[in-house]
Amino acid sequence: MVEVHPKKSPAINGESSLDDLIAEFSQDPAFAKAFKDANADIAERYYSDEGLTVRTLRLKAGLTQGQLAKAIESAQAHVSRIEAGSQDVYTDTVDKLAAALKATAADVLDAIRNTRQLAARKSPQ
C-alpha cells in the first residue's frame, strides 16, 4: 500500500476536483504507479466480462474520465456518454482517444462498437 502524506494545499481543502488531487499525488512516482496498477486491476476484476470497451481501455491506461477528457480536449460528461454507448463519436475524437489511451484507432472503434452493443443489451426493450 502506498502512503500519501499530502501537504496543505487548496486541493486538500476542497477547492479542487478529484482529478486535481490525483494529478497532485501522481507527482510521486510510487503513487502514480500504484494508481495505474489499481485501475488496471479494476478493469480486469470487474469489467473483463465486457471485453474491449472504452472504459476498459481507459482503466488499463490508468486514467480517470476527467483525465481522459482533458487529454482529448473534451468534458468528463462527454467521456461518460462515450463509455455508456450513448454518444456518437467523430473520427477526430477516435484519433484523440487512440493517442490518449495508447491504442490503435481500430481498437478504439472496436471498443466503441462493443460498448454500444453492451448498452443495447442492458437497456429495456
N, C-alpha and C. Protein backbone atom coordinates (compact mmCIF):
# COMPACT_ATOMS: atom_id res chain seq x y z
N MET A 1 0.84 -1.17 0.00
CA MET A 1 0.00 0.00 0.00
C MET A 1 0.89 1.24 0.00
N VAL A 2 0.52 2.21 -0.79
CA VAL A 2 1.27 3.45 -0.88
C VAL A 2 0.69 4.43 0.12
N GLU A 3 1.53 5.01 0.93
CA GLU A 3 1.09 6.03 1.85
C GLU A 3 1.35 7.38 1.23
N VAL A 4 0.34 8.23 1.26
CA VAL A 4 0.47 9.57 0.72
C VAL A 4 0.31 10.55 1.86
N HIS A 5 1.28 11.42 2.00
CA HIS A 5 1.25 12.43 3.04
C HIS A 5 1.18 13.79 2.36
N PRO A 6 -0.04 14.21 2.02
CA PRO A 6 -0.16 15.46 1.28
C PRO A 6 0.15 16.67 2.14
N LYS A 7 0.75 17.65 1.51
CA LYS A 7 0.97 18.91 2.20
C LYS A 7 -0.34 19.69 2.16
N LYS A 8 -0.48 20.67 3.00
CA LYS A 8 -1.67 21.51 2.96
C LYS A 8 -1.69 22.23 1.62
N SER A 9 -2.81 22.12 0.94
CA SER A 9 -2.92 22.78 -0.36
C SER A 9 -4.39 23.05 -0.63
N PRO A 10 -4.70 23.91 -1.59
CA PRO A 10 -6.10 24.16 -1.92
C PRO A 10 -6.82 22.87 -2.33
N ALA A 11 -6.11 21.92 -2.94
CA ALA A 11 -6.75 20.68 -3.35
C ALA A 11 -7.25 19.90 -2.14
N ILE A 12 -6.53 19.94 -1.04
CA ILE A 12 -6.92 19.22 0.16
C ILE A 12 -8.09 19.92 0.85
N ASN A 13 -8.18 21.22 0.71
CA ASN A 13 -9.23 21.98 1.39
C ASN A 13 -10.53 22.04 0.60
N GLY A 14 -10.71 21.15 -0.38
CA GLY A 14 -11.97 21.06 -1.10
C GLY A 14 -12.15 22.05 -2.22
N GLU A 15 -11.10 22.72 -2.61
CA GLU A 15 -11.23 23.73 -3.65
C GLU A 15 -10.90 23.19 -5.04
N SER A 16 -10.58 21.91 -5.14
CA SER A 16 -10.22 21.33 -6.43
C SER A 16 -10.96 20.01 -6.62
N SER A 17 -10.89 19.52 -7.83
CA SER A 17 -11.58 18.27 -8.15
C SER A 17 -10.73 17.06 -7.76
N LEU A 18 -11.36 15.91 -7.83
CA LEU A 18 -10.65 14.65 -7.58
C LEU A 18 -9.50 14.50 -8.57
N ASP A 19 -9.72 14.87 -9.82
CA ASP A 19 -8.65 14.78 -10.81
C ASP A 19 -7.47 15.68 -10.45
N ASP A 20 -7.75 16.85 -9.85
CA ASP A 20 -6.67 17.72 -9.40
C ASP A 20 -5.86 17.05 -8.29
N LEU A 21 -6.56 16.40 -7.37
CA LEU A 21 -5.86 15.69 -6.30
C LEU A 21 -5.01 14.55 -6.84
N ILE A 22 -5.59 13.78 -7.76
CA ILE A 22 -4.85 12.66 -8.36
C ILE A 22 -3.63 13.19 -9.09
N ALA A 23 -3.78 14.29 -9.81
CA ALA A 23 -2.64 14.88 -10.53
C ALA A 23 -1.57 15.32 -9.54
N GLU A 24 -1.99 15.93 -8.44
CA GLU A 24 -1.03 16.38 -7.44
C GLU A 24 -0.29 15.19 -6.82
N PHE A 25 -1.04 14.16 -6.42
CA PHE A 25 -0.42 12.99 -5.80
C PHE A 25 0.41 12.20 -6.80
N SER A 26 0.03 12.25 -8.08
CA SER A 26 0.74 11.48 -9.10
C SER A 26 2.13 12.04 -9.39
N GLN A 27 2.45 13.16 -8.81
CA GLN A 27 3.82 13.67 -8.94
C GLN A 27 4.78 12.74 -8.21
N ASP A 28 4.25 11.98 -7.27
CA ASP A 28 5.02 10.95 -6.58
C ASP A 28 4.98 9.69 -7.46
N PRO A 29 6.13 9.26 -8.00
CA PRO A 29 6.13 8.10 -8.90
C PRO A 29 5.52 6.84 -8.30
N ALA A 30 5.68 6.63 -7.00
CA ALA A 30 5.11 5.44 -6.36
C ALA A 30 3.58 5.50 -6.39
N PHE A 31 3.02 6.68 -6.11
CA PHE A 31 1.57 6.83 -6.17
C PHE A 31 1.08 6.65 -7.59
N ALA A 32 1.76 7.28 -8.55
CA ALA A 32 1.33 7.19 -9.95
C ALA A 32 1.29 5.74 -10.41
N LYS A 33 2.31 4.96 -10.06
CA LYS A 33 2.35 3.55 -10.45
C LYS A 33 1.24 2.77 -9.75
N ALA A 34 1.06 3.01 -8.47
CA ALA A 34 0.01 2.30 -7.72
C ALA A 34 -1.37 2.63 -8.26
N PHE A 35 -1.60 3.88 -8.63
CA PHE A 35 -2.90 4.29 -9.17
C PHE A 35 -3.16 3.61 -10.51
N LYS A 36 -2.15 3.60 -11.36
CA LYS A 36 -2.30 2.96 -12.67
C LYS A 36 -2.54 1.45 -12.49
N ASP A 37 -1.77 0.83 -11.61
CA ASP A 37 -1.94 -0.61 -11.36
C ASP A 37 -3.34 -0.91 -10.80
N ALA A 38 -3.83 -0.05 -9.91
CA ALA A 38 -5.16 -0.26 -9.32
C ALA A 38 -6.24 -0.16 -10.39
N ASN A 39 -6.11 0.80 -11.29
CA ASN A 39 -7.09 0.93 -12.37
C ASN A 39 -7.07 -0.29 -13.28
N ALA A 40 -5.88 -0.77 -13.61
CA ALA A 40 -5.78 -1.97 -14.45
C ALA A 40 -6.41 -3.17 -13.75
N ASP A 41 -6.21 -3.27 -12.44
CA ASP A 41 -6.80 -4.35 -11.66
C ASP A 41 -8.33 -4.25 -11.67
N ILE A 42 -8.86 -3.04 -11.54
CA ILE A 42 -10.31 -2.83 -11.59
C ILE A 42 -10.85 -3.26 -12.95
N ALA A 43 -10.16 -2.88 -14.01
CA ALA A 43 -10.59 -3.28 -15.36
C ALA A 43 -10.65 -4.79 -15.48
N GLU A 44 -9.65 -5.46 -14.96
CA GLU A 44 -9.57 -6.92 -15.07
C GLU A 44 -10.59 -7.61 -14.18
N ARG A 45 -10.70 -7.17 -12.93
CA ARG A 45 -11.59 -7.85 -11.97
C ARG A 45 -13.07 -7.60 -12.23
N TYR A 46 -13.41 -6.38 -12.56
CA TYR A 46 -14.82 -6.02 -12.60
C TYR A 46 -15.40 -5.84 -14.01
N TYR A 47 -14.56 -5.65 -15.00
CA TYR A 47 -15.07 -5.38 -16.33
C TYR A 47 -14.55 -6.33 -17.40
N SER A 48 -13.84 -7.38 -17.01
CA SER A 48 -13.26 -8.29 -18.01
C SER A 48 -14.34 -8.99 -18.81
N ASP A 49 -15.54 -9.18 -18.23
CA ASP A 49 -16.62 -9.83 -18.97
C ASP A 49 -17.17 -8.95 -20.09
N GLU A 50 -16.86 -7.66 -20.06
CA GLU A 50 -17.31 -6.75 -21.11
C GLU A 50 -16.47 -6.87 -22.37
N GLY A 51 -15.28 -7.40 -22.24
CA GLY A 51 -14.37 -7.41 -23.38
C GLY A 51 -13.76 -6.02 -23.55
N LEU A 52 -13.42 -5.70 -24.77
CA LEU A 52 -12.79 -4.43 -25.08
C LEU A 52 -13.84 -3.33 -25.14
N THR A 53 -13.77 -2.40 -24.20
CA THR A 53 -14.66 -1.23 -24.20
C THR A 53 -13.81 0.01 -23.96
N VAL A 54 -14.41 1.16 -24.18
CA VAL A 54 -13.69 2.41 -23.93
C VAL A 54 -13.32 2.49 -22.44
N ARG A 55 -14.24 2.04 -21.57
CA ARG A 55 -13.95 2.06 -20.13
C ARG A 55 -12.74 1.18 -19.81
N THR A 56 -12.69 -0.04 -20.34
CA THR A 56 -11.56 -0.92 -20.01
C THR A 56 -10.26 -0.36 -20.58
N LEU A 57 -10.32 0.22 -21.78
CA LEU A 57 -9.11 0.86 -22.33
C LEU A 57 -8.65 1.99 -21.41
N ARG A 58 -9.60 2.80 -20.94
CA ARG A 58 -9.26 3.94 -20.06
C ARG A 58 -8.66 3.45 -18.75
N LEU A 59 -9.31 2.47 -18.14
CA LEU A 59 -8.81 1.96 -16.86
C LEU A 59 -7.43 1.33 -17.02
N LYS A 60 -7.23 0.56 -18.08
CA LYS A 60 -5.92 -0.05 -18.30
C LYS A 60 -4.84 1.00 -18.56
N ALA A 61 -5.26 2.15 -19.09
CA ALA A 61 -4.31 3.25 -19.30
C ALA A 61 -4.05 4.02 -18.01
N GLY A 62 -4.81 3.69 -16.94
CA GLY A 62 -4.61 4.34 -15.65
C GLY A 62 -5.18 5.74 -15.58
N LEU A 63 -6.23 6.00 -16.34
CA LEU A 63 -6.81 7.35 -16.40
C LEU A 63 -8.19 7.40 -15.79
N THR A 64 -8.53 8.54 -15.21
CA THR A 64 -9.91 8.81 -14.80
C THR A 64 -10.64 9.36 -16.03
N GLN A 65 -11.95 9.44 -15.94
CA GLN A 65 -12.71 10.05 -17.03
C GLN A 65 -12.28 11.49 -17.24
N GLY A 66 -12.05 12.19 -16.15
CA GLY A 66 -11.62 13.59 -16.25
C GLY A 66 -10.27 13.74 -16.92
N GLN A 67 -9.34 12.86 -16.59
CA GLN A 67 -8.01 12.91 -17.22
C GLN A 67 -8.11 12.61 -18.71
N LEU A 68 -8.93 11.61 -19.06
CA LEU A 68 -9.10 11.29 -20.47
C LEU A 68 -9.76 12.46 -21.20
N ALA A 69 -10.75 13.06 -20.57
CA ALA A 69 -11.43 14.21 -21.18
C ALA A 69 -10.44 15.33 -21.47
N LYS A 70 -9.58 15.60 -20.50
CA LYS A 70 -8.58 16.66 -20.69
C LYS A 70 -7.64 16.30 -21.84
N ALA A 71 -7.24 15.03 -21.92
CA ALA A 71 -6.32 14.59 -22.97
C ALA A 71 -6.92 14.70 -24.36
N ILE A 72 -8.25 14.56 -24.46
CA ILE A 72 -8.89 14.65 -25.78
C ILE A 72 -9.57 16.00 -25.98
N GLU A 73 -9.30 16.94 -25.07
CA GLU A 73 -9.84 18.30 -25.14
C GLU A 73 -11.36 18.29 -25.18
N SER A 74 -11.94 17.61 -24.19
CA SER A 74 -13.38 17.48 -24.09
C SER A 74 -13.79 17.59 -22.63
N ALA A 75 -15.03 17.24 -22.35
CA ALA A 75 -15.55 17.29 -20.99
C ALA A 75 -15.72 15.87 -20.45
N GLN A 76 -15.64 15.75 -19.13
CA GLN A 76 -15.82 14.45 -18.48
C GLN A 76 -17.17 13.85 -18.84
N ALA A 77 -18.20 14.67 -18.94
CA ALA A 77 -19.54 14.17 -19.30
C ALA A 77 -19.54 13.54 -20.69
N HIS A 78 -18.76 14.09 -21.61
CA HIS A 78 -18.64 13.53 -22.96
C HIS A 78 -18.01 12.13 -22.90
N VAL A 79 -16.96 11.98 -22.12
CA VAL A 79 -16.32 10.68 -21.95
C VAL A 79 -17.30 9.70 -21.32
N SER A 80 -18.06 10.16 -20.34
CA SER A 80 -19.05 9.31 -19.69
C SER A 80 -20.08 8.80 -20.69
N ARG A 81 -20.55 9.68 -21.57
CA ARG A 81 -21.53 9.27 -22.59
C ARG A 81 -20.92 8.30 -23.59
N ILE A 82 -19.65 8.50 -23.94
CA ILE A 82 -18.97 7.56 -24.84
C ILE A 82 -18.90 6.20 -24.17
N GLU A 83 -18.51 6.18 -22.89
CA GLU A 83 -18.41 4.91 -22.16
C GLU A 83 -19.76 4.24 -21.97
N ALA A 84 -20.81 5.02 -21.94
CA ALA A 84 -22.16 4.46 -21.78
C ALA A 84 -22.73 3.98 -23.11
N GLY A 85 -22.05 4.32 -24.21
CA GLY A 85 -22.53 3.91 -25.52
C GLY A 85 -23.63 4.79 -26.06
N SER A 86 -23.79 5.97 -25.49
CA SER A 86 -24.88 6.85 -25.90
C SER A 86 -24.41 8.08 -26.67
N GLN A 87 -23.16 8.11 -27.05
CA GLN A 87 -22.59 9.28 -27.73
C GLN A 87 -22.00 8.87 -29.06
N ASP A 88 -22.42 9.54 -30.13
CA ASP A 88 -21.76 9.34 -31.42
C ASP A 88 -20.36 9.93 -31.31
N VAL A 89 -19.41 9.30 -31.97
CA VAL A 89 -18.02 9.72 -31.86
C VAL A 89 -17.48 10.03 -33.25
N TYR A 90 -16.95 11.22 -33.42
CA TYR A 90 -16.36 11.63 -34.69
C TYR A 90 -14.97 11.03 -34.85
N THR A 91 -14.51 10.96 -36.09
CA THR A 91 -13.21 10.33 -36.35
C THR A 91 -12.08 11.07 -35.66
N ASP A 92 -12.15 12.40 -35.56
CA ASP A 92 -11.06 13.11 -34.87
C ASP A 92 -11.05 12.75 -33.38
N THR A 93 -12.22 12.49 -32.81
CA THR A 93 -12.28 12.06 -31.41
C THR A 93 -11.70 10.66 -31.26
N VAL A 94 -11.97 9.78 -32.23
CA VAL A 94 -11.38 8.43 -32.21
C VAL A 94 -9.87 8.55 -32.21
N ASP A 95 -9.33 9.40 -33.06
CA ASP A 95 -7.87 9.60 -33.13
C ASP A 95 -7.32 10.12 -31.80
N LYS A 96 -8.02 11.08 -31.19
CA LYS A 96 -7.58 11.62 -29.90
C LYS A 96 -7.66 10.56 -28.81
N LEU A 97 -8.75 9.77 -28.82
CA LEU A 97 -8.87 8.68 -27.85
C LEU A 97 -7.73 7.68 -28.01
N ALA A 98 -7.44 7.31 -29.25
CA ALA A 98 -6.37 6.35 -29.50
C ALA A 98 -5.04 6.86 -28.96
N ALA A 99 -4.75 8.12 -29.21
CA ALA A 99 -3.48 8.69 -28.73
C ALA A 99 -3.44 8.71 -27.20
N ALA A 100 -4.53 9.15 -26.58
CA ALA A 100 -4.56 9.26 -25.12
C ALA A 100 -4.53 7.89 -24.44
N LEU A 101 -5.14 6.90 -25.09
CA LEU A 101 -5.22 5.56 -24.50
C LEU A 101 -4.08 4.65 -24.94
N LYS A 102 -3.20 5.19 -25.78
CA LYS A 102 -2.08 4.41 -26.31
C LYS A 102 -2.60 3.12 -26.96
N ALA A 103 -3.62 3.32 -27.79
CA ALA A 103 -4.26 2.22 -28.51
C ALA A 103 -4.34 2.60 -29.98
N THR A 104 -4.68 1.64 -30.80
CA THR A 104 -4.88 1.95 -32.22
C THR A 104 -6.29 2.48 -32.42
N ALA A 105 -6.48 3.21 -33.51
CA ALA A 105 -7.82 3.69 -33.83
C ALA A 105 -8.76 2.52 -34.05
N ALA A 106 -8.26 1.43 -34.62
CA ALA A 106 -9.08 0.24 -34.83
C ALA A 106 -9.55 -0.34 -33.50
N ASP A 107 -8.66 -0.38 -32.50
CA ASP A 107 -9.05 -0.87 -31.17
C ASP A 107 -10.10 0.04 -30.54
N VAL A 108 -9.93 1.33 -30.70
CA VAL A 108 -10.91 2.28 -30.15
C VAL A 108 -12.26 2.09 -30.83
N LEU A 109 -12.26 1.94 -32.15
CA LEU A 109 -13.53 1.71 -32.86
C LEU A 109 -14.18 0.41 -32.42
N ASP A 110 -13.39 -0.64 -32.27
CA ASP A 110 -13.92 -1.91 -31.77
C ASP A 110 -14.50 -1.73 -30.36
N ALA A 111 -13.81 -0.98 -29.53
CA ALA A 111 -14.28 -0.74 -28.16
C ALA A 111 -15.59 0.04 -28.17
N ILE A 112 -15.70 1.02 -29.06
CA ILE A 112 -16.94 1.80 -29.16
C ILE A 112 -18.09 0.91 -29.62
N ARG A 113 -17.84 0.08 -30.63
CA ARG A 113 -18.88 -0.84 -31.11
C ARG A 113 -19.32 -1.79 -29.99
N ASN A 114 -18.36 -2.36 -29.29
CA ASN A 114 -18.66 -3.29 -28.21
C ASN A 114 -19.42 -2.58 -27.09
N THR A 115 -19.03 -1.36 -26.76
CA THR A 115 -19.71 -0.58 -25.73
C THR A 115 -21.17 -0.36 -26.11
N ARG A 116 -21.41 -0.02 -27.36
CA ARG A 116 -22.79 0.21 -27.82
C ARG A 116 -23.60 -1.08 -27.78
N GLN A 117 -22.99 -2.19 -28.15
CA GLN A 117 -23.70 -3.47 -28.10
C GLN A 117 -24.06 -3.83 -26.66
N LEU A 118 -23.13 -3.62 -25.74
CA LEU A 118 -23.41 -3.88 -24.32
C LEU A 118 -24.52 -2.98 -23.81
N ALA A 119 -24.48 -1.71 -24.19
CA ALA A 119 -25.51 -0.77 -23.75
C ALA A 119 -26.88 -1.18 -24.30
N ALA A 120 -26.92 -1.63 -25.54
CA ALA A 120 -28.19 -2.04 -26.14
C ALA A 120 -28.75 -3.27 -25.42
N ARG A 121 -27.88 -4.19 -25.01
CA ARG A 121 -28.35 -5.38 -24.28
C ARG A 121 -28.87 -5.03 -22.89
N LYS A 122 -28.28 -3.99 -22.29
CA LYS A 122 -28.66 -3.61 -20.94
C LYS A 122 -29.94 -2.76 -20.90
N SER A 123 -30.23 -2.07 -21.99
CA SER A 123 -31.39 -1.17 -21.98
C SER A 123 -32.68 -1.95 -22.16
N PRO A 124 -33.74 -1.49 -21.50
CA PRO A 124 -35.02 -2.19 -21.65
C PRO A 124 -35.55 -2.02 -23.06
N GLN A 125 -36.09 -3.09 -23.59
CA GLN A 125 -36.59 -3.08 -24.97
C GLN A 125 -38.00 -2.56 -25.04
